[in-house]
Amino acid sequence: MTFSDHILARFDREVAKYPADQKQSAVMACLQIVQQERGFVSPESEKAVAEHLGMAPMAVHEVTTFYNMYNQKPVGKFKLNVCTNLPCQLRHGTEALAHLERKLGVAMGGTTADGLFTLQQSECLGACADAPVMLVNDIHMCSFMSHDKLDQLIDGLKATESQP
């Protein structure tokens, strides 16, 4: 796999932020660029990033698989990560996940047939006092997610799709 000149230029801007002998420090930024450009990080992309940064492919794969923010396969337009770590479990995080599974008609890890939603379980999102919490598209934190708030969120996201 080869990357476009545009992607390689973006990689090089990230690599330039680090000393020459530490260019592997740009691995997370490079993986994020791949995901932005391609929607997910494939095994072939991991190998190409490893080659560009002079790293072992397994070292890049370890980063990709450790963090929830890297999609290893195509996902829906809206990726919903529901925290199910202990503090969120104690405040109904697993029930929130189950509610979304029923509402969306997919199991955790699945994507809706229309390609709008991918539902994922997440480890700690660092907002335990606001439990249960979820993260939408790895950017927007949603707190105190009751069933009503979850319904409103899903309906609102669907509505954005029907607007011209």
Protein backbone atom coordinates (compact mmCIF):
# COMPACT_ATOMS: atom_id res chain seq x y z
CA MET A 1 0.00 0.00 0.00
CA THR A 2 1.21 3.47 -0.77
CA PHE A 3 -0.09 6.76 0.51
CA SER A 4 -0.78 9.83 -1.60
CA ASP A 5 1.68 12.71 -1.58
CA HIS A 6 -0.92 14.67 0.40
CA ILE A 7 -1.00 12.08 3.19
CA LEU A 8 2.79 11.71 3.23
CA ALA A 9 3.16 15.50 3.52
CA ARG A 10 0.81 15.45 6.51
CA PHE A 11 2.84 12.61 8.05
CA ASP A 12 6.04 14.58 7.55
CA ARG A 13 4.57 17.66 9.26
CA GLU A 14 3.86 15.48 12.31
CA VAL A 15 7.27 13.77 12.21
CA ALA A 16 8.97 17.19 12.09
CA LYS A 17 7.64 17.90 15.59
CA TYR A 18 10.04 15.33 17.07
CA PRO A 19 13.82 14.83 17.09
CA ALA A 20 14.98 12.91 14.01
CA ASP A 21 15.81 9.79 16.02
CA GLN A 22 12.33 9.76 17.60
CA LYS A 23 10.07 9.99 14.57
CA GLN A 24 8.08 6.97 15.82
CA SER A 25 6.59 9.39 18.34
CA ALA A 26 4.35 10.60 15.51
CA VAL A 27 2.65 7.20 15.22
CA MET A 28 -0.64 8.28 16.83
CA ALA A 29 -0.88 11.39 14.68
CA CYS A 30 -0.13 9.39 11.53
CA LEU A 31 -2.77 6.81 12.39
CA GLN A 32 -5.27 9.62 12.96
CA ILE A 33 -4.42 11.05 9.52
CA VAL A 34 -4.99 7.65 7.91
CA GLN A 35 -8.33 7.36 9.65
CA GLN A 36 -9.39 10.87 8.63
CA GLU A 37 -8.50 10.18 5.01
CA ARG A 38 -9.73 6.59 4.73
CA GLY A 39 -12.30 6.17 7.50
CA PHE A 40 -10.43 3.39 9.28
CA VAL A 41 -6.93 1.95 9.77
CA SER A 42 -6.46 -1.28 7.83
CA PRO A 43 -3.64 -3.76 8.49
CA GLU A 44 -2.07 -2.60 5.21
CA SER A 45 -2.20 1.01 6.42
CA GLU A 46 -0.55 -0.01 9.69
CA LYS A 47 2.31 -1.62 7.75
CA ALA A 48 2.75 1.45 5.56
CA VAL A 49 2.80 3.75 8.61
CA ALA A 50 5.36 1.45 10.23
CA GLU A 51 7.55 1.61 7.15
CA HIS A 52 7.29 5.40 6.95
CA LEU A 53 8.24 5.78 10.62
CA GLY A 54 10.88 3.04 10.70
CA MET A 55 8.94 0.95 13.21
CA ALA A 56 8.03 -2.69 13.50
CA PRO A 57 4.52 -3.27 12.09
CA MET A 58 3.53 -4.97 15.35
CA ALA A 59 4.40 -1.82 17.31
CA VAL A 60 1.98 0.18 15.14
CA HIS A 61 -0.66 -2.55 15.45
CA GLU A 62 -0.33 -2.41 19.24
CA VAL A 63 -1.18 1.30 19.16
CA THR A 64 -4.11 0.79 16.80
CA THR A 65 -5.62 -1.96 18.92
CA PHE A 66 -4.99 -0.32 22.30
CA TYR A 67 -7.00 2.87 21.65
CA ASN A 68 -10.75 2.92 20.89
CA MET A 69 -10.31 5.99 18.71
CA TYR A 70 -8.77 3.98 15.87
CA ASN A 71 -11.31 2.13 13.78
CA GLN A 72 -9.94 -1.17 12.50
CA LYS A 73 -12.83 -1.60 10.08
CA PRO A 74 -15.36 0.77 8.51
CA VAL A 75 -17.80 2.29 11.00
CA GLY A 76 -21.04 4.22 10.77
CA LYS A 77 -21.24 7.97 10.39
CA PHE A 78 -21.83 8.20 14.14
CA LYS A 79 -19.60 6.05 16.34
CA LEU A 80 -21.06 5.72 19.82
CA ASN A 81 -18.67 4.59 22.56
CA VAL A 82 -20.52 3.79 25.77
CA CYS A 83 -18.40 3.56 28.91
CA THR A 84 -18.93 0.31 30.77
CA ASN A 85 -16.08 0.62 33.25
CA LEU A 86 -16.99 0.02 36.90
CA PRO A 87 -18.08 3.57 37.90
CA CYS A 88 -20.35 3.77 34.84
CA GLN A 89 -21.61 0.22 35.45
CA LEU A 90 -22.59 1.21 38.98
CA ARG A 91 -24.56 4.11 37.51
CA HIS A 92 -26.32 2.13 34.77
CA GLY A 93 -23.76 2.26 31.95
CA THR A 94 -24.43 -1.33 30.91
CA GLU A 95 -28.18 -0.58 30.86
CA ALA A 96 -27.47 2.43 28.62
CA LEU A 97 -25.55 0.17 26.24
CA ALA A 98 -28.38 -2.39 26.25
CA HIS A 99 -30.93 0.38 25.61
CA LEU A 100 -28.96 1.56 22.57
CA GLU A 101 -28.65 -2.00 21.29
CA ARG A 102 -32.46 -2.31 21.40
CA LYS A 103 -33.12 1.16 19.97
CA LEU A 104 -30.64 0.77 17.10
CA GLY A 105 -31.29 -2.93 16.51
CA VAL A 106 -27.60 -3.87 16.62
CA ALA A 107 -25.39 -5.68 19.08
CA MET A 108 -22.41 -3.97 20.64
CA GLY A 109 -19.70 -3.77 18.00
CA GLY A 110 -22.23 -3.65 15.17
CA THR A 111 -23.26 -1.01 12.65
CA THR A 112 -26.85 -0.24 11.71
CA ALA A 113 -28.01 -1.38 8.27
CA ASP A 114 -28.29 2.25 7.11
CA GLY A 115 -24.63 2.83 8.03
CA LEU A 116 -25.46 5.65 10.43
CA PHE A 117 -24.49 4.19 13.80
CA THR A 118 -21.75 1.95 15.13
CA LEU A 119 -22.16 0.99 18.77
CA GLN A 120 -19.08 0.21 20.84
CA GLN A 121 -18.22 -0.50 24.43
CA SER A 122 -15.52 1.69 25.89
CA GLU A 123 -13.26 1.64 28.86
CA CYS A 124 -12.99 4.65 31.15
CA LEU A 125 -13.68 7.96 29.45
CA GLY A 126 -12.51 9.91 32.50
CA ALA A 127 -15.85 11.42 33.49
CA CYS A 128 -16.88 9.05 36.28
CA ALA A 129 -18.81 11.71 38.19
CA ASP A 130 -21.04 12.21 35.13
CA ALA A 131 -21.83 8.51 34.63
CA PRO A 132 -23.12 6.97 32.56
CA VAL A 133 -21.13 8.65 29.81
CA MET A 134 -20.53 8.09 26.13
CA LEU A 135 -18.40 9.56 23.40
CA VAL A 136 -19.77 10.38 19.94
CA ASN A 137 -17.27 10.17 17.07
CA ASP A 138 -14.35 10.28 19.52
CA ILE A 139 -15.04 13.98 20.12
CA HIS A 140 -18.32 14.82 21.85
CA MET A 141 -18.73 13.65 25.46
CA CYS A 142 -22.29 13.03 26.59
CA SER A 143 -22.97 12.82 30.34
CA PHE A 144 -25.74 11.51 32.60
CA MET A 145 -27.15 9.43 29.73
CA SER A 146 -30.61 8.32 30.85
CA HIS A 147 -32.76 6.36 28.42
CA ASP A 148 -34.62 9.58 27.55
CA LYS A 149 -31.37 11.43 26.84
CA LEU A 150 -30.12 8.52 24.73
CA ASP A 151 -33.35 8.55 22.72
CA GLN A 152 -33.06 12.31 22.20
CA LEU A 153 -29.45 11.97 21.09
CA ILE A 154 -30.20 9.23 18.55
CA ASP A 155 -33.26 11.04 17.22
CA GLY A 156 -31.28 14.27 16.95
CA LEU A 157 -28.43 12.61 15.06
CA LYS A 158 -30.91 10.96 12.70
CA ALA A 159 -32.59 14.33 12.12
CA THR A 160 -29.29 15.88 11.04
CA GLU A 161 -29.17 13.28 8.27
CA SER A 162 -32.55 14.25 6.87
CA GLN A 163 -31.74 17.97 6.65
CA PRO A 164 -30.66 19.29 3.25
